[in-house]
Amino acid sequence: MGTGFDNFTDSAHHNFTQLPEKVLANRILLKTIMEKYGCIALNTEWWHYSLPDAKKYGLMNLDFGEFKK
């Protein structure tokens, strides 16, 4: 994705374009999918999204092992 998680330099911004094409394509893919399902990107952090009205969705406490079933 071009930077590590919690990197706060300009290279973590969505509009930073001085990265390899594969990195830019991956960022666009992530952003497109997240926004398709209602999430909103934080422009300065490629990994940071919020979900408006998140409180209307219940929380699930699942062990990752349960996904293998």
Protein backbone atom coordinates (compact mmCIF):
# COMPACT_ATOMS: atom_id res chain seq x y z
CA MET A 1 0.00 0.00 0.00
CA GLY A 2 3.03 2.26 -0.20
CA THR A 3 3.46 2.95 3.50
CA GLY A 4 3.08 1.10 6.75
CA PHE A 5 0.00 1.44 8.91
CA ASP A 6 -0.02 4.65 10.99
CA ASN A 7 2.42 6.43 8.69
CA PHE A 8 1.54 10.11 8.88
CA THR A 9 3.69 11.45 6.05
CA ASP A 10 2.29 12.90 2.82
CA SER A 11 2.84 9.54 1.12
CA ALA A 12 -0.06 8.11 3.16
CA HIS A 13 -2.52 10.62 1.66
CA HIS A 14 -5.06 9.37 -0.88
CA ASN A 15 -4.03 12.06 -3.35
CA PHE A 16 -0.29 11.27 -3.16
CA THR A 17 0.64 9.94 -6.60
CA GLN A 18 4.43 9.47 -6.42
CA LEU A 19 4.06 5.74 -5.80
CA PRO A 20 4.31 2.63 -8.00
CA GLU A 21 1.26 2.00 -10.21
CA LYS A 22 0.45 -1.23 -8.34
CA VAL A 23 0.30 0.66 -5.04
CA LEU A 24 -1.96 3.33 -6.52
CA ALA A 25 -4.21 0.66 -8.04
CA ASN A 26 -4.49 -1.14 -4.68
CA ARG A 27 -5.40 2.08 -2.91
CA ILE A 28 -8.06 2.87 -5.50
CA LEU A 29 -9.46 -0.65 -5.19
CA LEU A 30 -9.68 -0.39 -1.39
CA LYS A 31 -11.26 3.06 -1.52
CA THR A 32 -13.74 2.07 -4.21
CA ILE A 33 -14.95 -0.98 -2.30
CA MET A 34 -15.14 0.81 1.04
CA GLU A 35 -17.09 3.72 -0.43
CA LYS A 36 -19.39 1.35 -2.32
CA TYR A 37 -20.57 0.05 1.05
CA GLY A 38 -20.98 3.46 2.66
CA CYS A 39 -17.65 4.07 4.34
CA ILE A 40 -15.96 7.46 4.15
CA ALA A 41 -12.20 7.77 3.67
CA LEU A 42 -10.00 10.04 5.73
CA ASN A 43 -8.02 11.85 3.02
CA THR A 44 -4.73 11.84 4.92
CA GLU A 45 -4.63 8.12 5.80
CA TRP A 46 -5.16 5.46 3.12
CA TRP A 47 -6.17 2.87 5.78
CA HIS A 48 -8.60 5.03 7.76
CA TYR A 49 -12.35 4.84 7.03
CA SER A 50 -15.44 5.63 9.04
CA LEU A 51 -18.97 4.32 8.73
CA PRO A 52 -21.71 6.92 9.24
CA ASP A 53 -24.56 5.67 11.42
CA ALA A 54 -22.39 2.78 12.62
CA LYS A 55 -24.42 2.59 15.83
CA LYS A 56 -27.37 1.16 13.93
CA TYR A 57 -25.36 -2.03 13.32
CA GLY A 58 -24.92 -4.57 16.09
CA LEU A 59 -21.47 -5.63 17.22
CA MET A 60 -20.35 -9.21 16.87
CA ASN A 61 -17.79 -10.82 19.13
CA LEU A 62 -16.45 -13.64 16.97
CA ASP A 63 -13.31 -15.66 17.30
CA PHE A 64 -11.39 -15.76 14.01
CA GLY A 65 -11.39 -19.57 14.30
CA GLU A 66 -15.15 -19.51 13.76
CA PHE A 67 -14.65 -18.27 10.20
CA LYS A 68 -12.93 -21.54 9.27
CA LYS A 69 -16.12 -23.52 9.90
